[in-house]
């Protein structure tokens, strides 16, 4: 069972990166964007620190990012991680963790099936919508090794490369990292804030249909169903 004593736990580490890390991210997502800061800060994926949880029952639910300035091509930063909330969603628990640094802040929500019903607060639910007006549509065919390529960013969750682990989680084979789908979706955009919800899994080899609006909203489909929805904020940072 999930150890609720993780709530409020604070961890600090120094993260160092090079241009090679950015190249690995670009190779896995089809290009660079400020979303590179997410794996850079979280290094190892959104499931880190879920002590006691059955990792085959953990799903990445939402992700947010705030840029405080332009991220250098290489450098280092002190990153502070805090487990901020554990919400009771009935059928499961939602664990919200945040990572803070001088360059960016990111927040990740993970849903743990079967861990609800403990009497905690339910928490608010963010609403995502898209305009009805015309939008940009593009397609991206993921490759069978897409998850292995994204693994080079530091997210080594076995859900994305271990067939037996994925089978125990209810999938026929390993699924693609939600952050990889997100990186592909916002590739090439220059933004200072991002919010997204993962709504269904993607399997490496799937073709993604990506819809983006000039006002910042986006959503992505695979096999005819929505897998991701969210928005970015286009505003200036450091004189951009």
Protein backbone atom coordinates (compact mmCIF):
# COMPACT_ATOMS: atom_id res chain seq x y z
CA UNK A 1 0.00 0.00 0.00
CA UNK A 2 1.01 3.59 -0.61
CA UNK A 3 2.87 5.05 2.35
CA UNK A 4 1.04 8.29 3.17
CA UNK A 5 4.04 9.44 5.22
CA UNK A 6 5.54 10.63 1.93
CA UNK A 7 3.18 13.63 2.11
CA UNK A 8 5.20 16.76 2.75
CA UNK A 9 8.55 15.03 2.22
CA UNK A 10 11.13 17.34 0.67
CA UNK A 11 14.18 16.14 -1.28
CA UNK A 12 16.95 18.19 -2.89
CA UNK A 13 19.49 17.27 -5.50
CA UNK A 14 21.74 18.99 -8.01
CA UNK A 15 20.79 18.29 -11.61
CA UNK A 16 23.45 18.74 -14.29
CA UNK A 17 22.79 18.57 -18.02
CA UNK A 18 24.62 19.00 -21.31
CA UNK A 19 23.71 19.66 -24.93
CA UNK A 20 23.74 15.89 -25.39
CA UNK A 21 20.74 15.57 -23.06
CA UNK A 22 18.80 18.02 -25.20
CA UNK A 23 19.77 16.07 -28.32
CA UNK A 24 18.51 12.83 -26.75
CA UNK A 25 15.20 14.50 -25.90
CA UNK A 26 14.84 15.94 -29.40
CA UNK A 27 15.56 12.53 -30.94
CA UNK A 28 12.83 10.94 -28.80
CA UNK A 29 10.16 13.61 -29.36
CA UNK A 30 10.81 14.84 -32.87
CA UNK A 31 12.25 18.17 -31.79
CA UNK A 32 12.94 20.48 -28.88
CA UNK A 33 10.58 22.59 -26.80
CA UNK A 34 10.58 24.00 -23.26
CA UNK A 35 8.97 20.69 -22.23
CA UNK A 36 12.54 19.38 -22.11
CA UNK A 37 12.67 20.94 -18.64
CA UNK A 38 10.22 18.32 -17.30
CA UNK A 39 12.43 15.22 -17.55
CA UNK A 40 15.41 17.41 -16.74
CA UNK A 41 13.96 18.35 -13.35
CA UNK A 42 12.15 15.10 -12.59
CA UNK A 43 14.96 12.88 -13.91
CA UNK A 44 13.58 9.39 -13.66
CA UNK A 45 9.93 10.05 -14.37
CA UNK A 46 6.85 11.14 -12.46
CA UNK A 47 6.58 7.97 -10.36
CA UNK A 48 9.64 8.60 -8.21
CA UNK A 49 9.04 8.47 -4.48
CA UNK A 50 5.73 6.59 -4.40
CA UNK A 51 6.88 4.43 -1.48
CA UNK A 52 4.81 1.30 -0.98
CA UNK A 53 2.75 1.69 -4.15
CA UNK A 54 2.29 -1.18 -6.60
CA UNK A 55 3.89 0.43 -9.64
CA UNK A 56 1.81 -1.69 -12.04
CA UNK A 57 -1.21 0.29 -10.77
CA UNK A 58 0.29 3.75 -11.26
CA UNK A 59 -0.79 5.98 -14.14
CA UNK A 60 0.52 9.42 -15.03
CA UNK A 61 -2.55 11.67 -14.86
CA UNK A 62 -1.53 15.32 -15.33
CA UNK A 63 1.55 17.46 -15.86
CA UNK A 64 2.24 21.18 -15.54
CA UNK A 65 5.29 23.31 -16.26
CA UNK A 66 6.24 26.93 -15.58
CA UNK A 67 9.39 28.46 -17.10
CA UNK A 68 11.13 31.17 -15.06
CA UNK A 69 13.70 31.97 -17.73
CA UNK A 70 15.38 30.49 -20.76
CA UNK A 71 16.96 27.12 -19.98
CA UNK A 72 20.69 27.10 -20.84
CA UNK A 73 21.95 24.51 -23.33
CA UNK A 74 24.05 23.10 -20.53
CA UNK A 75 24.36 23.80 -16.83
CA UNK A 76 23.26 22.72 -13.37
CA UNK A 77 20.61 23.65 -10.85
CA UNK A 78 19.45 22.72 -7.37
CA UNK A 79 16.10 20.96 -7.68
CA UNK A 80 13.71 20.67 -4.73
CA UNK A 81 11.01 18.01 -4.85
CA UNK A 82 7.98 18.10 -2.55
CA UNK A 83 5.07 15.67 -2.28
CA UNK A 84 2.30 18.27 -2.02
CA UNK A 85 -0.99 16.35 -1.88
CA UNK A 86 -2.53 12.90 -1.68
CA UNK A 87 -6.15 13.12 -2.81
CA UNK A 88 -8.83 10.48 -2.34
CA UNK A 89 -10.52 9.86 -5.70
CA UNK A 90 -12.55 6.90 -4.49
CA UNK A 91 -11.26 4.29 -6.92
CA UNK A 92 -7.71 5.41 -6.31
CA UNK A 93 -5.34 7.98 -4.80
CA UNK A 94 -3.93 10.96 -6.68
CA UNK A 95 -0.42 11.92 -5.59
CA UNK A 96 0.73 15.42 -6.58
CA UNK A 97 4.45 16.19 -6.51
CA UNK A 98 6.30 19.37 -7.47
CA UNK A 99 9.88 20.07 -8.56
CA UNK A 100 11.29 23.59 -8.19
CA UNK A 101 14.44 25.18 -9.61
CA UNK A 102 15.68 28.63 -10.61
CA UNK A 103 14.91 27.89 -14.27
CA UNK A 104 11.58 26.09 -14.09
CA UNK A 105 8.95 24.48 -11.90
CA UNK A 106 6.99 21.36 -12.78
CA UNK A 107 4.14 19.49 -11.15
CA UNK A 108 3.11 15.89 -11.78
CA UNK A 109 -0.04 14.03 -10.71
CA UNK A 110 -0.05 10.23 -10.53
CA UNK A 111 -3.19 8.13 -10.09
CA UNK A 112 -2.75 4.92 -8.12
CA UNK A 113 -5.58 2.47 -8.75
CA UNK A 114 -7.09 0.79 -5.69
CA UNK A 115 -5.52 3.20 -3.18
CA UNK A 116 -8.62 5.37 -2.61
CA UNK A 117 -11.27 5.24 0.06
CA UNK A 118 -9.07 6.46 2.91
CA UNK A 119 -11.28 9.44 3.74
CA UNK A 120 -9.06 12.19 2.39
CA UNK A 121 -9.96 15.33 0.43
CA UNK A 122 -11.03 14.71 -3.15
CA UNK A 123 -9.29 17.79 -4.53
CA UNK A 124 -10.27 19.97 -7.45
CA UNK A 125 -10.34 18.78 -11.06
CA UNK A 126 -8.85 20.99 -13.77
CA UNK A 127 -11.08 21.51 -16.80
CA UNK A 128 -9.55 21.34 -20.28
CA UNK A 129 -11.43 22.59 -23.36
CA UNK A 130 -10.53 23.44 -26.95
CA UNK A 131 -12.01 26.13 -29.25
CA UNK A 132 -14.49 25.27 -32.00
CA UNK A 133 -12.65 27.39 -34.56
CA UNK A 134 -10.37 25.94 -37.22
CA UNK A 135 -7.04 24.55 -36.00
CA UNK A 136 -3.75 23.10 -37.20
CA UNK A 137 -3.62 19.33 -37.69
CA UNK A 138 -0.45 17.27 -38.07
CA UNK A 139 0.51 13.62 -37.83
CA UNK A 140 3.40 11.84 -36.20
CA UNK A 141 4.06 8.12 -36.65
CA UNK A 142 5.78 6.77 -33.55
CA UNK A 143 8.29 3.97 -34.03
CA UNK A 144 8.34 0.57 -32.29
CA UNK A 145 11.44 1.74 -30.37
CA UNK A 146 10.03 5.18 -29.44
CA UNK A 147 9.81 4.32 -25.73
CA UNK A 148 13.36 3.02 -25.70
CA UNK A 149 14.52 6.27 -27.25
CA UNK A 150 12.63 8.31 -24.67
CA UNK A 151 14.13 6.16 -21.94
CA UNK A 152 17.42 7.94 -22.71
CA UNK A 153 15.99 11.05 -21.04
CA UNK A 154 16.13 9.25 -17.67
CA UNK A 155 12.62 7.78 -17.33
CA UNK A 156 13.32 4.08 -16.81
CA UNK A 157 9.85 3.05 -15.60
CA UNK A 158 9.53 -0.64 -16.64
CA UNK A 159 5.97 0.06 -17.84
CA UNK A 160 7.64 1.33 -21.02
CA UNK A 161 10.14 -1.42 -21.78
CA UNK A 162 9.35 -4.58 -19.76
CA UNK A 163 6.67 -6.71 -21.47
CA UNK A 164 5.88 -8.78 -18.36
CA UNK A 165 5.58 -5.69 -16.17
CA UNK A 166 3.26 -4.05 -18.72
CA UNK A 167 1.18 -7.24 -18.91
CA UNK A 168 0.69 -7.21 -15.13
CA UNK A 169 -0.44 -3.59 -15.49
CA UNK A 170 -3.12 -4.69 -17.97
CA UNK A 171 -1.41 -3.87 -21.27
CA UNK A 172 -0.56 -6.29 -24.05
CA UNK A 173 2.89 -4.76 -24.36
CA UNK A 174 4.87 -1.76 -23.05
CA UNK A 175 3.21 1.61 -23.60
CA UNK A 176 4.75 4.94 -24.56
CA UNK A 177 5.65 7.45 -21.86
CA UNK A 178 2.96 10.10 -21.52
CA UNK A 179 5.73 12.69 -21.42
CA UNK A 180 6.99 11.45 -24.77
CA UNK A 181 3.54 11.93 -26.32
CA UNK A 182 3.42 15.38 -24.72
CA UNK A 183 6.88 16.26 -26.05
CA UNK A 184 5.86 15.22 -29.56
CA UNK A 185 2.63 17.21 -29.31
CA UNK A 186 4.30 20.51 -28.31
CA UNK A 187 7.48 20.02 -30.33
CA UNK A 188 8.65 23.26 -31.93
CA UNK A 189 6.49 25.51 -29.74
CA UNK A 190 8.06 28.23 -27.60
CA UNK A 191 5.99 28.72 -24.45
CA UNK A 192 6.35 29.67 -20.80
CA UNK A 193 3.57 27.62 -19.21
CA UNK A 194 2.02 24.23 -19.93
CA UNK A 195 -0.81 22.13 -18.49
CA UNK A 196 -1.84 18.70 -19.79
CA UNK A 197 -3.94 15.66 -18.92
CA UNK A 198 -3.20 12.14 -20.15
CA UNK A 199 -6.48 10.42 -21.06
CA UNK A 200 -5.47 7.12 -22.71
CA UNK A 201 -2.28 5.14 -23.41
CA UNK A 202 -0.26 5.19 -26.62
CA UNK A 203 1.55 2.10 -27.90
CA UNK A 204 4.89 2.56 -29.69
CA UNK A 205 4.14 2.32 -33.41
CA UNK A 206 0.83 4.22 -33.16
CA UNK A 207 0.24 7.21 -35.40
CA UNK A 208 -0.60 10.39 -33.50
CA UNK A 209 -3.07 12.97 -34.81
CA UNK A 210 -2.08 16.29 -33.23
CA UNK A 211 -4.45 19.24 -33.12
CA UNK A 212 -3.11 22.66 -32.06
CA UNK A 213 -4.75 26.08 -31.83
CA UNK A 214 -3.00 29.46 -32.13
CA UNK A 215 -4.42 30.34 -28.70
CA UNK A 216 -2.34 27.53 -27.15
CA UNK A 217 -4.80 24.66 -26.76
CA UNK A 218 -3.87 21.20 -28.04
CA UNK A 219 -5.07 17.63 -28.07
CA UNK A 220 -3.74 14.39 -29.47
CA UNK A 221 -5.44 11.24 -30.73
CA UNK A 222 -4.23 7.70 -31.40
CA UNK A 223 -6.34 4.94 -32.94
CA UNK A 224 -9.35 7.25 -33.04
CA UNK A 225 -9.39 8.14 -29.33
CA UNK A 226 -8.09 11.12 -27.43
CA UNK A 227 -4.90 10.39 -25.51
CA UNK A 228 -3.87 13.90 -24.42
CA UNK A 229 -5.41 17.34 -23.96
CA UNK A 230 -3.97 20.57 -22.64
CA UNK A 231 -2.76 24.08 -23.34
CA UNK A 232 0.33 26.26 -23.36
CA UNK A 233 0.73 29.93 -22.63
CA UNK A 234 2.67 32.04 -25.08
CA UNK A 235 4.23 34.96 -23.20
CA UNK A 236 7.61 36.61 -23.04
CA UNK A 237 10.37 35.50 -20.67
CA UNK A 238 13.64 37.41 -20.42
CA UNK A 239 12.69 39.77 -23.20
CA UNK A 240 11.61 37.16 -25.74
